[in-house]
């Protein structure tokens, strides 16, 4: 795969320079623009895989840029960076197809994770075959150990979305379902079967993330955790796609969690998984125990 090309859009040159240096150090190609108007001109005349953009800028804001750019090149992946964003703007960004909403000052840890997620998303894409008009029903069920799922997460997600691509669904639908599946399966591994906790603030973010990863790797070596199963059910019908993911963990009080998820999106936690899932798919359901999530996407609500 060729180097990913990333366009950084921000009216603060130090931020553009810092992010561009980071991208170069990590084998990505970086370019920059000082506002949305300049960025749109570059997007029209050059190829980019990812756009990292601020919201508030002179001449053209980031949301307008994303809307116009995606109308020209819908495959573009957008990541929003802002120090002034509101909850409504974060939700709007996700629904328009943004991969993530990063609060300034930018966390390099979160930026690394987001760029890698974008890279995985690009790898899974292919040219769809228009099969949707001919299919009536698909119903599949998989069962996989925690260790195997963790080691083959990209392959499993690619398998699950391969038929969606073949059905000729809108690219935004495919990307949103892919993002939702990555988050739901990661949660089943980490917070479900491995019972990992992650309480992060800006001050302790790197230390806690390091200890989180270390604990995860240690638990994956233990049979009582590694051998726990994750069940994945996939349903296609005339009106919807439906994915059900169930782990063998203790579950959680999803009702209380969902009450505070929108209000807490602007704390410095990296655990934005459920917020992302909730805002890129059409419907989310849980079982009473909280160890099974159902992700639903309706055909008649697809973004074209």
C-alpha atoms as a PDB file:
ATOM      1  CA  UNK A   1       0.000   0.000   0.000  1.00  0.00           C
ATOM      2  CA  UNK A   2       1.281   3.485  -0.907  1.00  0.00           C
ATOM      3  CA  UNK A   3       1.882   6.072   1.793  1.00  0.00           C
ATOM      4  CA  UNK A   4      -1.347   7.634   3.022  1.00  0.00           C
ATOM      5  CA  UNK A   5      -1.628  11.292   2.095  1.00  0.00           C
ATOM      6  CA  UNK A   6      -3.102  13.524   4.794  1.00  0.00           C
ATOM      7  CA  UNK A   7      -4.295  17.122   4.421  1.00  0.00           C
ATOM      8  CA  UNK A   8      -4.158  19.219   7.626  1.00  0.00           C
ATOM      9  CA  UNK A   9      -6.525  22.206   7.592  1.00  0.00           C
ATOM     10  CA  UNK A  10      -6.066  24.793  10.341  1.00  0.00           C
ATOM     11  CA  UNK A  11      -5.603  28.564  10.514  1.00  0.00           C
ATOM     12  CA  UNK A  12      -2.887  28.129  13.158  1.00  0.00           C
ATOM     13  CA  UNK A  13       0.461  27.389  11.386  1.00  0.00           C
ATOM     14  CA  UNK A  14       2.096  25.856  14.519  1.00  0.00           C
ATOM     15  CA  UNK A  15      -0.615  23.150  14.622  1.00  0.00           C
ATOM     16  CA  UNK A  16      -0.199  22.374  10.910  1.00  0.00           C
ATOM     17  CA  UNK A  17       3.587  22.195  11.306  1.00  0.00           C
ATOM     18  CA  UNK A  18       3.420  19.994  14.412  1.00  0.00           C
ATOM     19  CA  UNK A  19       0.975  17.505  12.880  1.00  0.00           C
ATOM     20  CA  UNK A  20       2.846  17.466   9.567  1.00  0.00           C
ATOM     21  CA  UNK A  21       6.133  16.664  11.352  1.00  0.00           C
ATOM     22  CA  UNK A  22       4.440  13.855  13.244  1.00  0.00           C
ATOM     23  CA  UNK A  23       2.998  12.410  10.027  1.00  0.00           C
ATOM     24  CA  UNK A  24       6.416  12.452   8.343  1.00  0.00           C
ATOM     25  CA  UNK A  25       7.992  10.665  11.315  1.00  0.00           C
ATOM     26  CA  UNK A  26       5.348   7.924  10.991  1.00  0.00           C
ATOM     27  CA  UNK A  27       5.720   7.340   7.255  1.00  0.00           C
ATOM     28  CA  UNK A  28       2.681   9.358   6.130  1.00  0.00           C
ATOM     29  CA  UNK A  29       2.634  12.155   3.552  1.00  0.00           C
ATOM     30  CA  UNK A  30       1.440  15.464   4.932  1.00  0.00           C
ATOM     31  CA  UNK A  31       0.160  18.656   3.306  1.00  0.00           C
ATOM     32  CA  UNK A  32      -1.556  21.687   4.810  1.00  0.00           C
ATOM     33  CA  UNK A  33      -4.085  24.463   4.109  1.00  0.00           C
ATOM     34  CA  UNK A  34      -4.906  27.501   6.230  1.00  0.00           C
ATOM     35  CA  UNK A  35      -8.675  27.502   5.678  1.00  0.00           C
ATOM     36  CA  UNK A  36     -11.513  25.490   4.156  1.00  0.00           C
ATOM     37  CA  UNK A  37     -11.516  27.365   0.857  1.00  0.00           C
ATOM     38  CA  UNK A  38      -7.847  26.656   0.233  1.00  0.00           C
ATOM     39  CA  UNK A  39      -8.328  23.038   1.343  1.00  0.00           C
ATOM     40  CA  UNK A  40     -11.255  22.501  -1.039  1.00  0.00           C
ATOM     41  CA  UNK A  41      -9.163  23.758  -3.949  1.00  0.00           C
ATOM     42  CA  UNK A  42      -6.387  21.327  -3.045  1.00  0.00           C
ATOM     43  CA  UNK A  43      -8.855  18.436  -2.685  1.00  0.00           C
ATOM     44  CA  UNK A  44     -10.283  19.198  -6.154  1.00  0.00           C
ATOM     45  CA  UNK A  45      -6.827  19.163  -7.735  1.00  0.00           C
ATOM     46  CA  UNK A  46      -4.925  16.490  -5.812  1.00  0.00           C
ATOM     47  CA  UNK A  47      -5.410  13.122  -4.107  1.00  0.00           C
ATOM     48  CA  UNK A  48      -5.739  12.825  -0.327  1.00  0.00           C
ATOM     49  CA  UNK A  49      -6.779   9.857   1.798  1.00  0.00           C
ATOM     50  CA  UNK A  50      -7.502  11.702   5.067  1.00  0.00           C
ATOM     51  CA  UNK A  51      -8.397  15.285   5.964  1.00  0.00           C
ATOM     52  CA  UNK A  52      -7.698  16.564   9.502  1.00  0.00           C
ATOM     53  CA  UNK A  53      -9.590  19.827   9.856  1.00  0.00           C
ATOM     54  CA  UNK A  54     -10.425  22.462  12.443  1.00  0.00           C
ATOM     55  CA  UNK A  55     -14.038  23.677  12.622  1.00  0.00           C
ATOM     56  CA  UNK A  56     -13.728  27.443  13.133  1.00  0.00           C
ATOM     57  CA  UNK A  57     -11.666  29.018  10.329  1.00  0.00           C
ATOM     58  CA  UNK A  58     -11.901  32.127   8.149  1.00  0.00           C
ATOM     59  CA  UNK A  59     -13.527  31.954   4.688  1.00  0.00           C
ATOM     60  CA  UNK A  60     -14.907  28.417   5.108  1.00  0.00           C
ATOM     61  CA  UNK A  61     -15.481  26.376   8.283  1.00  0.00           C
ATOM     62  CA  UNK A  62     -14.621  22.689   8.701  1.00  0.00           C
ATOM     63  CA  UNK A  63     -18.167  21.340   8.522  1.00  0.00           C
ATOM     64  CA  UNK A  64     -18.854  23.153   5.251  1.00  0.00           C
ATOM     65  CA  UNK A  65     -15.536  21.866   3.921  1.00  0.00           C
ATOM     66  CA  UNK A  66     -16.456  18.292   4.839  1.00  0.00           C
ATOM     67  CA  UNK A  67     -19.893  18.559   3.197  1.00  0.00           C
ATOM     68  CA  UNK A  68     -18.523  20.036  -0.041  1.00  0.00           C
ATOM     69  CA  UNK A  69     -15.464  17.769  -0.187  1.00  0.00           C
ATOM     70  CA  UNK A  70     -17.528  14.609   0.343  1.00  0.00           C
ATOM     71  CA  UNK A  71     -19.907  15.660  -2.422  1.00  0.00           C
ATOM     72  CA  UNK A  72     -16.890  15.648  -4.755  1.00  0.00           C
ATOM     73  CA  UNK A  73     -14.903  12.753  -3.267  1.00  0.00           C
ATOM     74  CA  UNK A  74     -17.134  10.682  -0.934  1.00  0.00           C
ATOM     75  CA  UNK A  75     -14.294   8.259  -0.140  1.00  0.00           C
ATOM     76  CA  UNK A  76     -12.366  10.973   1.769  1.00  0.00           C
ATOM     77  CA  UNK A  77     -11.971  10.245   5.489  1.00  0.00           C
ATOM     78  CA  UNK A  78     -12.425  13.287   7.739  1.00  0.00           C
ATOM     79  CA  UNK A  79     -11.161  13.795  11.285  1.00  0.00           C
ATOM     80  CA  UNK A  80     -12.349  16.945  13.067  1.00  0.00           C
ATOM     81  CA  UNK A  81     -10.055  18.875  15.442  1.00  0.00           C
ATOM     82  CA  UNK A  82     -11.454  21.702  17.532  1.00  0.00           C
ATOM     83  CA  UNK A  83     -11.078  23.548  20.801  1.00  0.00           C
ATOM     84  CA  UNK A  84     -14.514  25.154  20.492  1.00  0.00           C
ATOM     85  CA  UNK A  85     -16.764  22.300  19.453  1.00  0.00           C
ATOM     86  CA  UNK A  86     -20.135  21.632  21.004  1.00  0.00           C
ATOM     87  CA  UNK A  87     -21.908  18.324  21.496  1.00  0.00           C
ATOM     88  CA  UNK A  88     -24.210  19.141  18.567  1.00  0.00           C
ATOM     89  CA  UNK A  89     -21.265  19.799  16.253  1.00  0.00           C
ATOM     90  CA  UNK A  90     -19.580  16.531  17.330  1.00  0.00           C
ATOM     91  CA  UNK A  91     -22.758  14.560  16.577  1.00  0.00           C
ATOM     92  CA  UNK A  92     -23.206  16.372  13.260  1.00  0.00           C
ATOM     93  CA  UNK A  93     -19.626  15.508  12.312  1.00  0.00           C
ATOM     94  CA  UNK A  94     -20.144  11.813  13.087  1.00  0.00           C
ATOM     95  CA  UNK A  95     -23.406  11.678  11.148  1.00  0.00           C
ATOM     96  CA  UNK A  96     -21.733  13.349   8.161  1.00  0.00           C
ATOM     97  CA  UNK A  97     -19.153  10.559   8.217  1.00  0.00           C
ATOM     98  CA  UNK A  98     -16.247  11.928  10.303  1.00  0.00           C
ATOM     99  CA  UNK A  99     -14.077   9.173  11.739  1.00  0.00           C
ATOM    100  CA  UNK A 100     -13.399  11.018  14.990  1.00  0.00           C
ATOM    101  CA  UNK A 101     -13.746  14.348  16.784  1.00  0.00           C
ATOM    102  CA  UNK A 102     -10.497  15.298  18.546  1.00  0.00           C
ATOM    103  CA  UNK A 103     -10.537  18.058  21.120  1.00  0.00           C
ATOM    104  CA  UNK A 104      -7.685  20.586  21.185  1.00  0.00           C
ATOM    105  CA  UNK A 105      -5.029  20.650  22.493  1.00  0.00           C
ATOM    106  CA  UNK A 106      -4.468  17.599  20.314  1.00  0.00           C
ATOM    107  CA  UNK A 107      -3.480  14.356  22.025  1.00  0.00           C
ATOM    108  CA  UNK A 108      -0.819  12.572  19.949  1.00  0.00           C
ATOM    109  CA  UNK A 109      -2.013   9.273  21.466  1.00  0.00           C
ATOM    110  CA  UNK A 110      -5.539   9.828  20.143  1.00  0.00           C
ATOM    111  CA  UNK A 111      -4.276  11.130  16.798  1.00  0.00           C
ATOM    112  CA  UNK A 112      -2.099   8.008  16.319  1.00  0.00           C
ATOM    113  CA  UNK A 113      -5.040   5.722  17.119  1.00  0.00           C
ATOM    114  CA  UNK A 114      -7.323   7.639  14.721  1.00  0.00           C
ATOM    115  CA  UNK A 115      -4.857   7.617  11.805  1.00  0.00           C
ATOM    116  CA  UNK A 116      -4.293   3.871  12.240  1.00  0.00           C
ATOM    117  CA  UNK A 117      -8.065   3.296  12.313  1.00  0.00           C
ATOM    118  CA  UNK A 118      -8.378   5.312   9.083  1.00  0.00           C
ATOM    119  CA  UNK A 119      -5.638   3.204   7.524  1.00  0.00           C
ATOM    120  CA  UNK A 120      -7.511  -0.001   8.444  1.00  0.00           C
ATOM    121  CA  UNK A 121     -10.714   1.434   6.986  1.00  0.00           C
ATOM    122  CA  UNK A 122      -8.997   2.219   3.683  1.00  0.00           C
ATOM    123  CA  UNK A 123      -7.512  -1.292   3.485  1.00  0.00           C
ATOM    124  CA  UNK A 124     -10.957  -2.900   3.826  1.00  0.00           C
ATOM    125  CA  UNK A 125     -12.475  -0.977   0.919  1.00  0.00           C
ATOM    126  CA  UNK A 126     -13.075  -2.506  -2.509  1.00  0.00           C
ATOM    127  CA  UNK A 127     -15.301  -1.971  -5.534  1.00  0.00           C
ATOM    128  CA  UNK A 128     -18.852  -3.143  -4.745  1.00  0.00           C
ATOM    129  CA  UNK A 129     -20.913  -5.475  -6.922  1.00  0.00           C
ATOM    130  CA  UNK A 130     -24.571  -4.419  -7.136  1.00  0.00           C
ATOM    131  CA  UNK A 131     -26.297  -7.477  -5.616  1.00  0.00           C
ATOM    132  CA  UNK A 132     -28.800  -5.856  -3.252  1.00  0.00           C
ATOM    133  CA  UNK A 133     -31.860  -6.025  -5.590  1.00  0.00           C
ATOM    134  CA  UNK A 134     -31.570  -9.817  -5.850  1.00  0.00           C
ATOM    135  CA  UNK A 135     -31.130 -10.824  -2.205  1.00  0.00           C
ATOM    136  CA  UNK A 136     -33.989 -11.331   0.214  1.00  0.00           C
ATOM    137  CA  UNK A 137     -32.402 -12.670   3.395  1.00  0.00           C
ATOM    138  CA  UNK A 138     -28.965 -13.521   4.847  1.00  0.00           C
ATOM    139  CA  UNK A 139     -28.525 -14.909   8.364  1.00  0.00           C
ATOM    140  CA  UNK A 140     -25.096 -15.907   9.709  1.00  0.00           C
ATOM    141  CA  UNK A 141     -23.602 -16.659  13.105  1.00  0.00           C
ATOM    142  CA  UNK A 142     -19.946 -16.788  14.160  1.00  0.00           C
ATOM    143  CA  UNK A 143     -18.313 -17.783  17.445  1.00  0.00           C
ATOM    144  CA  UNK A 144     -14.687 -16.917  18.131  1.00  0.00           C
ATOM    145  CA  UNK A 145     -12.386 -16.885  21.148  1.00  0.00           C
ATOM    146  CA  UNK A 146     -11.270 -13.570  22.624  1.00  0.00           C
ATOM    147  CA  UNK A 147      -7.646 -14.242  21.715  1.00  0.00           C
ATOM    148  CA  UNK A 148      -8.416 -15.169  18.115  1.00  0.00           C
ATOM    149  CA  UNK A 149     -10.727 -12.186  17.694  1.00  0.00           C
ATOM    150  CA  UNK A 150      -8.093  -9.826  19.065  1.00  0.00           C
ATOM    151  CA  UNK A 151      -5.422 -11.275  16.758  1.00  0.00           C
ATOM    152  CA  UNK A 152      -7.659 -11.212  13.666  1.00  0.00           C
ATOM    153  CA  UNK A 153      -9.889  -8.198  14.280  1.00  0.00           C
ATOM    154  CA  UNK A 154      -9.209  -6.553  10.921  1.00  0.00           C
ATOM    155  CA  UNK A 155      -9.871  -9.820   9.033  1.00  0.00           C
ATOM    156  CA  UNK A 156     -13.148 -10.455  10.923  1.00  0.00           C
ATOM    157  CA  UNK A 157     -14.457  -6.932  10.302  1.00  0.00           C
ATOM    158  CA  UNK A 158     -13.470  -7.164   6.644  1.00  0.00           C
ATOM    159  CA  UNK A 159     -15.343 -10.475   6.358  1.00  0.00           C
ATOM    160  CA  UNK A 160     -18.452  -9.038   8.012  1.00  0.00           C
ATOM    161  CA  UNK A 161     -18.605  -5.982   5.765  1.00  0.00           C
ATOM    162  CA  UNK A 162     -17.570  -7.777   2.547  1.00  0.00           C
ATOM    163  CA  UNK A 163     -21.155  -8.736   1.704  1.00  0.00           C
ATOM    164  CA  UNK A 164     -22.361  -5.215   2.470  1.00  0.00           C
ATOM    165  CA  UNK A 165     -19.899  -3.952  -0.139  1.00  0.00           C
ATOM    166  CA  UNK A 166     -20.996  -6.624  -2.618  1.00  0.00           C
ATOM    167  CA  UNK A 167     -24.604  -5.549  -2.115  1.00  0.00           C
ATOM    168  CA  UNK A 168     -23.653  -2.158  -3.515  1.00  0.00           C
ATOM    169  CA  UNK A 169     -24.561  -0.119  -0.442  1.00  0.00           C
ATOM    170  CA  UNK A 170     -23.626   3.551  -0.238  1.00  0.00           C
ATOM    171  CA  UNK A 171     -19.974   4.123   0.681  1.00  0.00           C
ATOM    172  CA  UNK A 172     -20.900   6.144   3.770  1.00  0.00           C
ATOM    173  CA  UNK A 173     -23.084   3.274   4.976  1.00  0.00           C
ATOM    174  CA  UNK A 174     -20.207   0.812   4.565  1.00  0.00           C
ATOM    175  CA  UNK A 175     -17.741   3.113   6.343  1.00  0.00           C
ATOM    176  CA  UNK A 176     -20.114   3.813   9.231  1.00  0.00           C
ATOM    177  CA  UNK A 177     -20.909   0.115   9.739  1.00  0.00           C
ATOM    178  CA  UNK A 178     -17.176  -0.698   9.583  1.00  0.00           C
ATOM    179  CA  UNK A 179     -16.422   1.896  12.269  1.00  0.00           C
ATOM    180  CA  UNK A 180     -19.293   0.671  14.422  1.00  0.00           C
ATOM    181  CA  UNK A 181     -18.147  -2.965  14.179  1.00  0.00           C
ATOM    182  CA  UNK A 182     -14.541  -2.121  15.094  1.00  0.00           C
ATOM    183  CA  UNK A 183     -15.728  -0.303  18.207  1.00  0.00           C
ATOM    184  CA  UNK A 184     -18.310  -2.924  19.250  1.00  0.00           C
ATOM    185  CA  UNK A 185     -15.910  -5.857  18.799  1.00  0.00           C
ATOM    186  CA  UNK A 186     -13.095  -4.011  20.604  1.00  0.00           C
ATOM    187  CA  UNK A 187     -15.464  -3.339  23.515  1.00  0.00           C
ATOM    188  CA  UNK A 188     -16.455  -7.031  23.620  1.00  0.00           C
ATOM    189  CA  UNK A 189     -12.779  -7.992  23.866  1.00  0.00           C
ATOM    190  CA  UNK A 190     -11.507  -5.325  26.249  1.00  0.00           C
ATOM    191  CA  UNK A 191     -14.400  -4.320  28.502  1.00  0.00           C
ATOM    192  CA  UNK A 192     -16.418  -7.526  28.137  1.00  0.00           C
ATOM    193  CA  UNK A 193     -14.339 -10.711  28.232  1.00  0.00           C
ATOM    194  CA  UNK A 194     -11.109  -9.179  29.570  1.00  0.00           C
ATOM    195  CA  UNK A 195     -12.940  -6.905  32.051  1.00  0.00           C
ATOM    196  CA  UNK A 196     -10.455  -4.057  31.550  1.00  0.00           C
ATOM    197  CA  UNK A 197     -11.118  -0.638  33.040  1.00  0.00           C
ATOM    198  CA  UNK A 198      -9.803   2.627  31.652  1.00  0.00           C
ATOM    199  CA  UNK A 199     -10.197   5.865  33.604  1.00  0.00           C
ATOM    200  CA  UNK A 200      -8.194   8.503  31.757  1.00  0.00           C
ATOM    201  CA  UNK A 201      -7.592  12.200  32.218  1.00  0.00           C
ATOM    202  CA  UNK A 202      -5.380  14.451  30.112  1.00  0.00           C
ATOM    203  CA  UNK A 203      -2.720  14.377  32.844  1.00  0.00           C
ATOM    204  CA  UNK A 204      -2.420  10.589  33.037  1.00  0.00           C
ATOM    205  CA  UNK A 205      -3.476   9.616  29.494  1.00  0.00           C
ATOM    206  CA  UNK A 206      -0.201   8.053  28.275  1.00  0.00           C
ATOM    207  CA  UNK A 207       0.555   6.246  31.564  1.00  0.00           C
ATOM    208  CA  UNK A 208      -2.930   4.770  31.820  1.00  0.00           C
ATOM    209  CA  UNK A 209      -2.984   3.751  28.166  1.00  0.00           C
ATOM    210  CA  UNK A 210       0.364   1.960  28.600  1.00  0.00           C
ATOM    211  CA  UNK A 211      -0.858   0.078  31.678  1.00  0.00           C
ATOM    212  CA  UNK A 212      -4.152  -0.715  29.909  1.00  0.00           C
ATOM    213  CA  UNK A 213      -2.323  -2.297  26.965  1.00  0.00           C
ATOM    214  CA  UNK A 214       0.033  -4.168  29.287  1.00  0.00           C
ATOM    215  CA  UNK A 215      -2.880  -5.599  31.320  1.00  0.00           C
ATOM    216  CA  UNK A 216      -4.656  -6.552  28.097  1.00  0.00           C
ATOM    217  CA  UNK A 217      -1.636  -8.484  26.793  1.00  0.00           C
ATOM    218  CA  UNK A 218      -1.191 -10.259  30.150  1.00  0.00           C
ATOM    219  CA  UNK A 219      -4.841 -11.334  30.338  1.00  0.00           C
ATOM    220  CA  UNK A 220      -4.758 -12.625  26.761  1.00  0.00           C
ATOM    221  CA  UNK A 221      -2.094 -15.117  27.913  1.00  0.00           C
ATOM    222  CA  UNK A 222      -4.445 -16.583  30.535  1.00  0.00           C
ATOM    223  CA  UNK A 223      -6.829 -19.326  29.295  1.00  0.00           C
ATOM    224  CA  UNK A 224      -9.703 -18.181  31.565  1.00  0.00           C
ATOM    225  CA  UNK A 225      -9.776 -14.891  29.612  1.00  0.00           C
ATOM    226  CA  UNK A 226      -8.327 -15.846  26.220  1.00  0.00           C
ATOM    227  CA  UNK A 227     -10.777 -18.720  25.700  1.00  0.00           C
ATOM    228  CA  UNK A 228     -13.941 -16.766  26.461  1.00  0.00           C
ATOM    229  CA  UNK A 229     -16.161 -16.553  23.401  1.00  0.00           C
ATOM    230  CA  UNK A 230     -17.639 -13.696  21.403  1.00  0.00           C
ATOM    231  CA  UNK A 231     -20.770 -14.531  19.385  1.00  0.00           C
ATOM    232  CA  UNK A 232     -21.479 -12.478  16.281  1.00  0.00           C
ATOM    233  CA  UNK A 233     -24.803 -12.666  14.440  1.00  0.00           C
ATOM    234  CA  UNK A 234     -25.357 -10.962  11.102  1.00  0.00           C
ATOM    235  CA  UNK A 235     -28.778 -10.463   9.540  1.00  0.00           C
ATOM    236  CA  UNK A 236     -29.626  -8.918   6.178  1.00  0.00           C
ATOM    237  CA  UNK A 237     -33.290  -8.466   5.289  1.00  0.00           C
ATOM    238  CA  UNK A 238     -35.251  -6.348   2.855  1.00  0.00           C
ATOM    239  CA  UNK A 239     -35.282  -3.366   5.212  1.00  0.00           C
ATOM    240  CA  UNK A 240     -32.080  -3.497   7.310  1.00  0.00           C
ATOM    241  CA  UNK A 241     -28.642  -4.811   8.270  1.00  0.00           C
ATOM    242  CA  UNK A 242     -28.373  -6.038  11.842  1.00  0.00           C
ATOM    243  CA  UNK A 243     -25.238  -7.088  13.757  1.00  0.00           C
ATOM    244  CA  UNK A 244     -25.453  -8.629  17.227  1.00  0.00           C
ATOM    245  CA  UNK A 245     -22.259  -8.973  19.289  1.00  0.00           C
ATOM    246  CA  UNK A 246     -22.362 -10.862  22.597  1.00  0.00           C
ATOM    247  CA  UNK A 247     -19.447 -11.459  24.983  1.00  0.00           C
ATOM    248  CA  UNK A 248     -19.200 -13.638  28.098  1.00  0.00           C
ATOM    249  CA  UNK A 249     -18.394 -10.747  30.424  1.00  0.00           C
ATOM    250  CA  UNK A 250     -20.320  -9.409  33.400  1.00  0.00           C
ATOM    251  CA  UNK A 251     -22.105  -6.778  31.340  1.00  0.00           C
ATOM    252  CA  UNK A 252     -22.703  -3.216  32.531  1.00  0.00           C
ATOM    253  CA  UNK A 253     -25.478  -0.795  33.381  1.00  0.00           C
ATOM    254  CA  UNK A 254     -25.890   0.552  29.869  1.00  0.00           C
ATOM    255  CA  UNK A 255     -28.905   2.703  30.792  1.00  0.00           C
ATOM    256  CA  UNK A 256     -26.871   4.811  33.253  1.00  0.00           C
ATOM    257  CA  UNK A 257     -23.891   4.866  30.915  1.00  0.00           C
ATOM    258  CA  UNK A 258     -25.934   6.105  27.955  1.00  0.00           C
ATOM    259  CA  UNK A 259     -27.493   8.864  30.073  1.00  0.00           C
ATOM    260  CA  UNK A 260     -24.103  10.467  30.563  1.00  0.00           C
ATOM    261  CA  UNK A 261     -22.340   9.528  27.339  1.00  0.00           C
ATOM    262  CA  UNK A 262     -23.228  12.715  25.452  1.00  0.00           C
ATOM    263  CA  UNK A 263     -22.398  15.010  28.372  1.00  0.00           C
ATOM    264  CA  UNK A 264     -19.069  13.249  28.985  1.00  0.00           C
ATOM    265  CA  UNK A 265     -17.807  13.200  25.404  1.00  0.00           C
ATOM    266  CA  UNK A 266     -15.728  16.322  26.094  1.00  0.00           C
ATOM    267  CA  UNK A 267     -13.829  14.895  29.028  1.00  0.00           C
ATOM    268  CA  UNK A 268     -10.432  13.524  28.113  1.00  0.00           C
ATOM    269  CA  UNK A 269     -11.373   9.870  28.037  1.00  0.00           C
ATOM    270  CA  UNK A 270     -10.280   7.879  25.007  1.00  0.00           C
ATOM    271  CA  UNK A 271     -13.280   5.614  25.456  1.00  0.00           C
ATOM    272  CA  UNK A 272     -15.488   7.183  22.795  1.00  0.00           C
ATOM    273  CA  UNK A 273     -16.572   3.822  21.422  1.00  0.00           C
ATOM    274  CA  UNK A 274     -20.256   3.849  22.345  1.00  0.00           C
ATOM    275  CA  UNK A 275     -20.592   7.534  21.470  1.00  0.00           C
ATOM    276  CA  UNK A 276     -19.235   6.749  18.015  1.00  0.00           C
ATOM    277  CA  UNK A 277     -21.453   3.687  17.550  1.00  0.00           C
ATOM    278  CA  UNK A 278     -24.535   5.576  18.731  1.00  0.00           C
ATOM    279  CA  UNK A 279     -24.002   8.360  16.207  1.00  0.00           C
ATOM    280  CA  UNK A 280     -22.913   6.516  13.053  1.00  0.00           C
ATOM    281  CA  UNK A 281     -25.608   3.801  12.933  1.00  0.00           C
ATOM    282  CA  UNK A 282     -29.378   4.177  12.943  1.00  0.00           C
ATOM    283  CA  UNK A 283     -30.249   2.194  16.052  1.00  0.00           C
ATOM    284  CA  UNK A 284     -28.434   0.578  18.998  1.00  0.00           C
ATOM    285  CA  UNK A 285     -29.970  -1.948  21.421  1.00  0.00           C
ATOM    286  CA  UNK A 286     -28.625  -3.876  24.434  1.00  0.00           C
ATOM    287  CA  UNK A 287     -29.814  -6.977  26.256  1.00  0.00           C
ATOM    288  CA  UNK A 288     -30.771  -6.573  29.942  1.00  0.00           C
ATOM    289  CA  UNK A 289     -27.389  -7.769  31.206  1.00  0.00           C
ATOM    290  CA  UNK A 290     -25.485  -5.329  29.019  1.00  0.00           C
ATOM    291  CA  UNK A 291     -23.167  -7.921  27.451  1.00  0.00           C
ATOM    292  CA  UNK A 292     -24.851  -7.937  24.022  1.00  0.00           C
ATOM    293  CA  UNK A 293     -25.121  -5.015  21.637  1.00  0.00           C
ATOM    294  CA  UNK A 294     -27.250  -4.898  18.496  1.00  0.00           C
ATOM    295  CA  UNK A 295     -26.265  -2.465  15.719  1.00  0.00           C
ATOM    296  CA  UNK A 296     -28.991  -1.725  13.165  1.00  0.00           C
ATOM    297  CA  UNK A 297     -28.732   0.097   9.849  1.00  0.00           C
ATOM    298  CA  UNK A 298     -31.877   0.696   7.745  1.00  0.00           C
ATOM    299  CA  UNK A 299     -31.650   0.694   3.938  1.00  0.00           C
ATOM    300  CA  UNK A 300     -34.143   3.507   3.438  1.00  0.00           C
ATOM    301  CA  UNK A 301     -32.042   5.807   5.630  1.00  0.00           C
ATOM    302  CA  UNK A 302     -28.770   5.232   3.759  1.00  0.00           C
ATOM    303  CA  UNK A 303     -26.661   8.269   2.992  1.00  0.00           C
ATOM    304  CA  UNK A 304     -25.991   8.290  -0.735  1.00  0.00           C
END
